[in-house]
């Protein structure tokens, strides 16, 4: 489900969770913060995201790199890039 938020092909929201890659990534960052506050700073948190979605209008490599950059600002410990859908 979170990959659908990241992909412009599927995410057509007009609120704070749609639009630019920064706002499409907001839900992922919100979840990372909530999990970290629930489990504490010593518990490692990882995420697996698609590196691209091989469909016209899907998540691009540039988008995925921006997601990694945004996640790098959080307390996340591991980012696993998948090959796509």
PDB file of N, CA and C in Angstrom:
ATOM      1  N   UNK A   1       0.806  -1.187   0.000  1.00  0.00           N
ATOM      2  CA  UNK A   1       0.000   0.000   0.000  1.00  0.00           C
ATOM      3  C   UNK A   1       0.856   1.261   0.000  1.00  0.00           C
ATOM      4  N   UNK A   2       1.951   1.270   0.745  1.00  0.00           N
ATOM      5  CA  UNK A   2       2.771   2.478   0.782  1.00  0.00           C
ATOM      6  C   UNK A   2       3.402   2.782  -0.567  1.00  0.00           C
ATOM      7  N   UNK A   3       3.706   1.760  -1.345  1.00  0.00           N
ATOM      8  CA  UNK A   3       4.262   2.005  -2.673  1.00  0.00           C
ATOM      9  C   UNK A   3       3.257   2.745  -3.550  1.00  0.00           C
ATOM     10  N   UNK A   4       1.971   2.537  -3.302  1.00  0.00           N
ATOM     11  CA  UNK A   4       0.952   3.261  -4.058  1.00  0.00           C
ATOM     12  C   UNK A   4       0.954   4.746  -3.695  1.00  0.00           C
ATOM     13  N   UNK A   5       1.271   5.069  -2.448  1.00  0.00           N
ATOM     14  CA  UNK A   5       1.383   6.474  -2.064  1.00  0.00           C
ATOM     15  C   UNK A   5       2.565   7.120  -2.768  1.00  0.00           C
ATOM     16  N   UNK A   6       3.667   6.388  -2.921  1.00  0.00           N
ATOM     17  CA  UNK A   6       4.865   6.949  -3.532  1.00  0.00           C
ATOM     18  C   UNK A   6       4.734   7.130  -5.036  1.00  0.00           C
ATOM     19  N   UNK A   7       3.947   6.308  -5.680  1.00  0.00           N
ATOM     20  CA  UNK A   7       3.849   6.316  -7.134  1.00  0.00           C
ATOM     21  C   UNK A   7       2.869   7.375  -7.653  1.00  0.00           C
ATOM     22  N   UNK A   8       3.332   8.242  -8.571  1.00  0.00           N
ATOM     23  CA  UNK A   8       2.402   9.212  -9.150  1.00  0.00           C
ATOM     24  C   UNK A   8       1.338   8.555 -10.030  1.00  0.00           C
ATOM     25  N   UNK A   9       1.582   7.332 -10.461  1.00  0.00           N
ATOM     26  CA  UNK A   9       0.606   6.614 -11.266  1.00  0.00           C
ATOM     27  C   UNK A   9      -0.653   6.291 -10.456  1.00  0.00           C
ATOM     28  N   UNK A  10      -0.469   5.975  -9.185  1.00  0.00           N
ATOM     29  CA  UNK A  10      -1.588   5.552  -8.337  1.00  0.00           C
ATOM     30  C   UNK A  10      -2.052   6.623  -7.360  1.00  0.00           C
ATOM     31  N   UNK A  11      -1.162   7.513  -6.949  1.00  0.00           N
ATOM     32  CA  UNK A  11      -1.493   8.518  -5.950  1.00  0.00           C
ATOM     33  C   UNK A  11      -1.958   9.796  -6.653  1.00  0.00           C
ATOM     34  N   UNK A  12      -3.252  10.018  -6.620  1.00  0.00           N
ATOM     35  CA  UNK A  12      -3.844  11.215  -7.218  1.00  0.00           C
ATOM     36  C   UNK A  12      -4.450  12.112  -6.145  1.00  0.00           C
ATOM     37  N   UNK A  13      -3.964  11.966  -4.920  1.00  0.00           N
ATOM     38  CA  UNK A  13      -4.500  12.746  -3.806  1.00  0.00           C
ATOM     39  C   UNK A  13      -4.173  14.219  -3.988  1.00  0.00           C
ATOM     40  N   UNK A  14      -5.017  15.069  -3.466  1.00  0.00           N
ATOM     41  CA  UNK A  14      -4.792  16.514  -3.534  1.00  0.00           C
ATOM     42  C   UNK A  14      -4.572  17.103  -2.141  1.00  0.00           C
ATOM     43  N   UNK A  15      -4.373  16.226  -1.145  1.00  0.00           N
ATOM     44  CA  UNK A  15      -4.114  16.699   0.214  1.00  0.00           C
ATOM     45  C   UNK A  15      -2.607  16.663   0.489  1.00  0.00           C
ATOM     46  N   UNK A  16      -2.227  16.629   1.735  1.00  0.00           N
ATOM     47  CA  UNK A  16      -0.824  16.634   2.126  1.00  0.00           C
ATOM     48  C   UNK A  16      -0.081  15.351   1.846  1.00  0.00           C
ATOM     49  N   UNK A  17      -0.737  14.366   1.251  1.00  0.00           N
ATOM     50  CA  UNK A  17      -0.110  13.077   0.935  1.00  0.00           C
ATOM     51  C   UNK A  17      -0.079  12.808  -0.571  1.00  0.00           C
ATOM     52  N   UNK A  18      -0.315  13.826  -1.374  1.00  0.00           N
ATOM     53  CA  UNK A  18      -0.272  13.678  -2.828  1.00  0.00           C
ATOM     54  C   UNK A  18       0.493  14.826  -3.446  1.00  0.00           C
ATOM     55  N   UNK A  19       0.733  14.730  -4.742  1.00  0.00           N
ATOM     56  CA  UNK A  19       1.440  15.811  -5.432  1.00  0.00           C
ATOM     57  C   UNK A  19       2.899  15.477  -5.656  1.00  0.00           C
ATOM     58  N   UNK A  20       3.793  16.300  -5.109  1.00  0.00           N
ATOM     59  CA  UNK A  20       5.234  16.123  -5.308  1.00  0.00           C
ATOM     60  C   UNK A  20       5.717  14.856  -4.601  1.00  0.00           C
ATOM     61  N   UNK A  21       6.912  14.420  -4.939  1.00  0.00           N
ATOM     62  CA  UNK A  21       7.468  13.227  -4.282  1.00  0.00           C
ATOM     63  C   UNK A  21       7.640  13.481  -2.783  1.00  0.00           C
ATOM     64  N   UNK A  22       7.928  14.716  -2.404  1.00  0.00           N
ATOM     65  CA  UNK A  22       8.074  15.022  -0.977  1.00  0.00           C
ATOM     66  C   UNK A  22       6.767  14.793  -0.233  1.00  0.00           C
ATOM     67  N   UNK A  23       5.663  15.228  -0.812  1.00  0.00           N
ATOM     68  CA  UNK A  23       4.383  15.046  -0.123  1.00  0.00           C
ATOM     69  C   UNK A  23       3.866  13.617  -0.258  1.00  0.00           C
ATOM     70  N   UNK A  24       4.181  12.952  -1.366  1.00  0.00           N
ATOM     71  CA  UNK A  24       3.785  11.540  -1.488  1.00  0.00           C
ATOM     72  C   UNK A  24       4.560  10.684  -0.491  1.00  0.00           C
ATOM     73  N   UNK A  25       5.760  11.107  -0.130  1.00  0.00           N
ATOM     74  CA  UNK A  25       6.596  10.360   0.828  1.00  0.00           C
ATOM     75  C   UNK A  25       6.231  10.668   2.279  1.00  0.00           C
ATOM     76  N   UNK A  26       5.433  11.691   2.492  1.00  0.00           N
ATOM     77  CA  UNK A  26       5.109  12.136   3.857  1.00  0.00           C
ATOM     78  C   UNK A  26       4.534  11.013   4.718  1.00  0.00           C
ATOM     79  N   UNK A  27       3.668  10.174   4.162  1.00  0.00           N
ATOM     80  CA  UNK A  27       3.066   9.106   4.965  1.00  0.00           C
ATOM     81  C   UNK A  27       4.125   8.110   5.442  1.00  0.00           C
ATOM     82  N   UNK A  28       5.097   7.824   4.600  1.00  0.00           N
ATOM     83  CA  UNK A  28       6.173   6.899   4.979  1.00  0.00           C
ATOM     84  C   UNK A  28       6.981   7.498   6.125  1.00  0.00           C
ATOM     85  N   UNK A  29       7.315   8.769   6.009  1.00  0.00           N
ATOM     86  CA  UNK A  29       8.087   9.440   7.056  1.00  0.00           C
ATOM     87  C   UNK A  29       7.277   9.523   8.348  1.00  0.00           C
ATOM     88  N   UNK A  30       5.992   9.816   8.240  1.00  0.00           N
ATOM     89  CA  UNK A  30       5.127   9.841   9.433  1.00  0.00           C
ATOM     90  C   UNK A  30       5.123   8.479  10.127  1.00  0.00           C
ATOM     91  N   UNK A  31       5.045   7.416   9.355  1.00  0.00           N
ATOM     92  CA  UNK A  31       5.030   6.069   9.929  1.00  0.00           C
ATOM     93  C   UNK A  31       6.363   5.751  10.596  1.00  0.00           C
ATOM     94  N   UNK A  32       7.467   6.115   9.968  1.00  0.00           N
ATOM     95  CA  UNK A  32       8.786   5.891  10.575  1.00  0.00           C
ATOM     96  C   UNK A  32       8.864   6.580  11.928  1.00  0.00           C
ATOM     97  N   UNK A  33       8.409   7.833  11.993  1.00  0.00           N
ATOM     98  CA  UNK A  33       8.441   8.567  13.265  1.00  0.00           C
ATOM     99  C   UNK A  33       7.545   7.913  14.319  1.00  0.00           C
ATOM    100  N   UNK A  34       6.356   7.480  13.932  1.00  0.00           N
ATOM    101  CA  UNK A  34       5.438   6.840  14.884  1.00  0.00           C
ATOM    102  C   UNK A  34       5.994   5.513  15.395  1.00  0.00           C
ATOM    103  N   UNK A  35       6.556   4.722  14.495  1.00  0.00           N
ATOM    104  CA  UNK A  35       7.141   3.437  14.913  1.00  0.00           C
ATOM    105  C   UNK A  35       8.310   3.687  15.851  1.00  0.00           C
ATOM    106  N   UNK A  36       9.182   4.617  15.493  1.00  0.00           N
ATOM    107  CA  UNK A  36      10.336   4.912  16.335  1.00  0.00           C
ATOM    108  C   UNK A  36       9.914   5.378  17.718  1.00  0.00           C
ATOM    109  N   UNK A  37       8.863   6.194  17.796  1.00  0.00           N
ATOM    110  CA  UNK A  37       8.411   6.654  19.110  1.00  0.00           C
ATOM    111  C   UNK A  37       7.787   5.516  19.911  1.00  0.00           C
ATOM    112  N   UNK A  38       7.224   4.526  19.230  1.00  0.00           N
ATOM    113  CA  UNK A  38       6.614   3.390  19.930  1.00  0.00           C
ATOM    114  C   UNK A  38       7.646   2.383  20.410  1.00  0.00           C
ATOM    115  N   UNK A  39       8.698   2.156  19.635  1.00  0.00           N
ATOM    116  CA  UNK A  39       9.655   1.097  19.979  1.00  0.00           C
ATOM    117  C   UNK A  39      10.925   1.609  20.637  1.00  0.00           C
ATOM    118  N   UNK A  40      11.173   2.910  20.547  1.00  0.00           N
ATOM    119  CA  UNK A  40      12.363   3.486  21.157  1.00  0.00           C
ATOM    120  C   UNK A  40      13.523   3.565  20.184  1.00  0.00           C
ATOM    121  N   UNK A  41      14.506   4.392  20.528  1.00  0.00           N
ATOM    122  CA  UNK A  41      15.619   4.665  19.608  1.00  0.00           C
ATOM    123  C   UNK A  41      16.590   3.503  19.414  1.00  0.00           C
ATOM    124  N   UNK A  42      16.587   2.528  20.310  1.00  0.00           N
ATOM    125  CA  UNK A  42      17.545   1.420  20.170  1.00  0.00           C
ATOM    126  C   UNK A  42      17.019   0.278  19.297  1.00  0.00           C
ATOM    127  N   UNK A  43      15.756   0.354  18.871  1.00  0.00           N
ATOM    128  CA  UNK A  43      15.169  -0.685  18.028  1.00  0.00           C
ATOM    129  C   UNK A  43      15.378  -0.314  16.562  1.00  0.00           C
ATOM    130  N   UNK A  44      16.038  -1.175  15.786  1.00  0.00           N
ATOM    131  CA  UNK A  44      16.290  -0.833  14.374  1.00  0.00           C
ATOM    132  C   UNK A  44      15.012  -0.876  13.533  1.00  0.00           C
ATOM    133  N   UNK A  45      14.924   0.049  12.606  1.00  0.00           N
ATOM    134  CA  UNK A  45      13.776   0.132  11.700  1.00  0.00           C
ATOM    135  C   UNK A  45      14.296   0.112  10.266  1.00  0.00           C
ATOM    136  N   UNK A  46      13.683  -0.717   9.451  1.00  0.00           N
ATOM    137  CA  UNK A  46      14.044  -0.792   8.046  1.00  0.00           C
ATOM    138  C   UNK A  46      12.818  -0.667   7.170  1.00  0.00           C
ATOM    139  N   UNK A  47      13.048  -0.389   5.899  1.00  0.00           N
ATOM    140  CA  UNK A  47      11.964  -0.270   4.938  1.00  0.00           C
ATOM    141  C   UNK A  47      12.440  -0.821   3.600  1.00  0.00           C
ATOM    142  N   UNK A  48      11.528  -1.398   2.874  1.00  0.00           N
ATOM    143  CA  UNK A  48      11.805  -1.851   1.511  1.00  0.00           C
ATOM    144  C   UNK A  48      10.931  -1.032   0.572  1.00  0.00           C
ATOM    145  N   UNK A  49      11.561  -0.410  -0.402  1.00  0.00           N
ATOM    146  CA  UNK A  49      10.820   0.401  -1.357  1.00  0.00           C
ATOM    147  C   UNK A  49      11.201  -0.008  -2.771  1.00  0.00           C
ATOM    148  N   UNK A  50      10.304   0.278  -3.696  1.00  0.00           N
ATOM    149  CA  UNK A  50      10.591   0.028  -5.102  1.00  0.00           C
ATOM    150  C   UNK A  50      11.580   1.067  -5.605  1.00  0.00           C
ATOM    151  N   UNK A  51      12.501   0.635  -6.456  1.00  0.00           N
ATOM    152  CA  UNK A  51      13.428   1.584  -7.063  1.00  0.00           C
ATOM    153  C   UNK A  51      12.811   2.231  -8.289  1.00  0.00           C
ATOM    154  N   UNK A  52      11.917   1.539  -8.949  1.00  0.00           N
ATOM    155  CA  UNK A  52      11.158   2.069 -10.080  1.00  0.00           C
ATOM    156  C   UNK A  52       9.878   1.258 -10.202  1.00  0.00           C
ATOM    157  N   UNK A  53       8.921   1.812 -10.894  1.00  0.00           N
ATOM    158  CA  UNK A  53       7.717   1.070 -11.259  1.00  0.00           C
ATOM    159  C   UNK A  53       7.684   1.081 -12.785  1.00  0.00           C
ATOM    160  N   UNK A  54       7.887  -0.073 -13.413  1.00  0.00           N
ATOM    161  CA  UNK A  54       8.035  -0.115 -14.865  1.00  0.00           C
ATOM    162  C   UNK A  54       6.719   0.041 -15.629  1.00  0.00           C
ATOM    163  N   UNK A  55       5.935   1.009 -15.222  1.00  0.00           N
ATOM    164  CA  UNK A  55       4.683   1.341 -15.888  1.00  0.00           C
ATOM    165  C   UNK A  55       4.730   2.822 -16.232  1.00  0.00           C
ATOM    166  N   UNK A  56       4.182   3.191 -17.374  1.00  0.00           N
ATOM    167  CA  UNK A  56       4.188   4.583 -17.765  1.00  0.00           C
ATOM    168  C   UNK A  56       3.498   5.432 -16.703  1.00  0.00           C
ATOM    169  N   UNK A  57       4.208   6.444 -16.234  1.00  0.00           N
ATOM    170  CA  UNK A  57       3.668   7.319 -15.198  1.00  0.00           C
ATOM    171  C   UNK A  57       3.942   6.828 -13.792  1.00  0.00           C
ATOM    172  N   UNK A  58       4.695   5.734 -13.667  1.00  0.00           N
ATOM    173  CA  UNK A  58       4.993   5.173 -12.350  1.00  0.00           C
ATOM    174  C   UNK A  58       6.182   5.837 -11.686  1.00  0.00           C
ATOM    175  N   UNK A  59       6.553   5.315 -10.551  1.00  0.00           N
ATOM    176  CA  UNK A  59       7.689   5.821  -9.787  1.00  0.00           C
ATOM    177  C   UNK A  59       8.950   5.710 -10.630  1.00  0.00           C
ATOM    178  N   UNK A  60       9.710   6.794 -10.710  1.00  0.00           N
ATOM    179  CA  UNK A  60      10.940   6.797 -11.493  1.00  0.00           C
ATOM    180  C   UNK A  60      12.146   6.576 -10.586  1.00  0.00           C
ATOM    181  N   UNK A  61      13.270   6.307 -11.204  1.00  0.00           N
ATOM    182  CA  UNK A  61      14.509   6.164 -10.439  1.00  0.00           C
ATOM    183  C   UNK A  61      14.824   7.458  -9.688  1.00  0.00           C
ATOM    184  N   UNK A  62      14.599   8.593 -10.328  1.00  0.00           N
ATOM    185  CA  UNK A  62      14.832   9.888  -9.671  1.00  0.00           C
ATOM    186  C   UNK A  62      13.928  10.052  -8.447  1.00  0.00           C
ATOM    187  N   UNK A  63      12.660   9.632  -8.570  1.00  0.00           N
ATOM    188  CA  UNK A  63      11.745   9.677  -7.425  1.00  0.00           C
ATOM    189  C   UNK A  63      12.260   8.799  -6.289  1.00  0.00           C
ATOM    190  N   UNK A  64      12.696   7.586  -6.628  1.00  0.00           N
ATOM    191  CA  UNK A  64      13.187   6.659  -5.607  1.00  0.00           C
ATOM    192  C   UNK A  64      14.419   7.227  -4.903  1.00  0.00           C
ATOM    193  N   UNK A  65      15.303   7.857  -5.656  1.00  0.00           N
ATOM    194  CA  UNK A  65      16.483   8.481  -5.042  1.00  0.00           C
ATOM    195  C   UNK A  65      16.077   9.616  -4.107  1.00  0.00           C
ATOM    196  N   UNK A  66      15.040  10.345  -4.471  1.00  0.00           N
ATOM    197  CA  UNK A  66      14.545  11.417  -3.597  1.00  0.00           C
ATOM    198  C   UNK A  66      13.927  10.827  -2.330  1.00  0.00           C
ATOM    199  N   UNK A  67      13.210   9.721  -2.446  1.00  0.00           N
ATOM    200  CA  UNK A  67      12.656   9.046  -1.269  1.00  0.00           C
ATOM    201  C   UNK A  67      13.791   8.627  -0.338  1.00  0.00           C
ATOM    202  N   UNK A  68      14.858   8.061  -0.899  1.00  0.00           N
ATOM    203  CA  UNK A  68      16.015   7.662  -0.084  1.00  0.00           C
ATOM    204  C   UNK A  68      16.604   8.883   0.617  1.00  0.00           C
ATOM    205  N   UNK A  69      16.741   9.987  -0.099  1.00  0.00           N
ATOM    206  CA  UNK A  69      17.280  11.218   0.498  1.00  0.00           C
ATOM    207  C   UNK A  69      16.396  11.696   1.643  1.00  0.00           C
ATOM    208  N   UNK A  70      15.081  11.656   1.444  1.00  0.00           N
ATOM    209  CA  UNK A  70      14.153  12.091   2.490  1.00  0.00           C
ATOM    210  C   UNK A  70      14.186  11.147   3.689  1.00  0.00           C
ATOM    211  N   UNK A  71      14.250   9.853   3.427  1.00  0.00           N
ATOM    212  CA  UNK A  71      14.307   8.883   4.519  1.00  0.00           C
ATOM    213  C   UNK A  71      15.623   8.972   5.284  1.00  0.00           C
ATOM    214  N   UNK A  72      16.684   9.377   4.597  1.00  0.00           N
ATOM    215  CA  UNK A  72      17.982   9.520   5.248  1.00  0.00           C
ATOM    216  C   UNK A  72      17.957  10.609   6.323  1.00  0.00           C
ATOM    217  N   UNK A  73      16.996  11.497   6.273  1.00  0.00           N
ATOM    218  CA  UNK A  73      16.843  12.543   7.291  1.00  0.00           C
ATOM    219  C   UNK A  73      16.141  12.025   8.536  1.00  0.00           C
ATOM    220  N   UNK A  74      15.584  10.817   8.470  1.00  0.00           N
ATOM    221  CA  UNK A  74      14.884  10.234   9.614  1.00  0.00           C
ATOM    222  C   UNK A  74      15.838   9.342  10.395  1.00  0.00           C
ATOM    223  N   UNK A  75      15.296   8.640  11.360  1.00  0.00           N
ATOM    224  CA  UNK A  75      16.092   7.726  12.183  1.00  0.00           C
ATOM    225  C   UNK A  75      16.128   6.310  11.601  1.00  0.00           C
ATOM    226  N   UNK A  76      15.681   6.130  10.369  1.00  0.00           N
ATOM    227  CA  UNK A  76      15.623   4.795   9.771  1.00  0.00           C
ATOM    228  C   UNK A  76      17.033   4.205   9.668  1.00  0.00           C
ATOM    229  N   UNK A  77      17.133   2.895   9.892  1.00  0.00           N
ATOM    230  CA  UNK A  77      18.431   2.219   9.918  1.00  0.00           C
ATOM    231  C   UNK A  77      18.766   1.494   8.625  1.00  0.00           C
ATOM    232  N   UNK A  78      17.747   1.084   7.871  1.00  0.00           N
ATOM    233  CA  UNK A  78      17.976   0.265   6.675  1.00  0.00           C
ATOM    234  C   UNK A  78      16.970   0.631   5.603  1.00  0.00           C
ATOM    235  N   UNK A  79      17.467   0.831   4.388  1.00  0.00           N
ATOM    236  CA  UNK A  79      16.607   1.039   3.227  1.00  0.00           C
ATOM    237  C   UNK A  79      16.981  -0.015   2.209  1.00  0.00           C
ATOM    238  N   UNK A  80      16.042  -0.884   1.879  1.00  0.00           N
ATOM    239  CA  UNK A  80      16.241  -1.966   0.908  1.00  0.00           C
ATOM    240  C   UNK A  80      15.499  -1.584  -0.371  1.00  0.00           C
ATOM    241  N   UNK A  81      16.244  -1.430  -1.459  1.00  0.00           N
ATOM    242  CA  UNK A  81      15.623  -1.073  -2.736  1.00  0.00           C
ATOM    243  C   UNK A  81      15.287  -2.318  -3.512  1.00  0.00           C
ATOM    244  N   UNK A  82      14.025  -2.416  -3.904  1.00  0.00           N
ATOM    245  CA  UNK A  82      13.538  -3.525  -4.706  1.00  0.00           C
ATOM    246  C   UNK A  82      13.631  -3.122  -6.167  1.00  0.00           C
ATOM    247  N   UNK A  83      13.584  -4.117  -7.064  1.00  0.00           N
ATOM    248  CA  UNK A  83      13.695  -3.874  -8.487  1.00  0.00           C
ATOM    249  C   UNK A  83      12.445  -3.341  -9.126  1.00  0.00           C
ATOM    250  N   UNK A  84      11.398  -3.117  -8.419  1.00  0.00           N
ATOM    251  CA  UNK A  84      10.138  -2.638  -8.982  1.00  0.00           C
ATOM    252  C   UNK A  84       9.013  -3.591  -8.682  1.00  0.00           C
ATOM    253  N   UNK A  85       7.938  -3.494  -9.431  1.00  0.00           N
ATOM    254  CA  UNK A  85       6.791  -4.346  -9.153  1.00  0.00           C
ATOM    255  C   UNK A  85       6.947  -5.699  -9.796  1.00  0.00           C
TER     256      UNK A  85
END
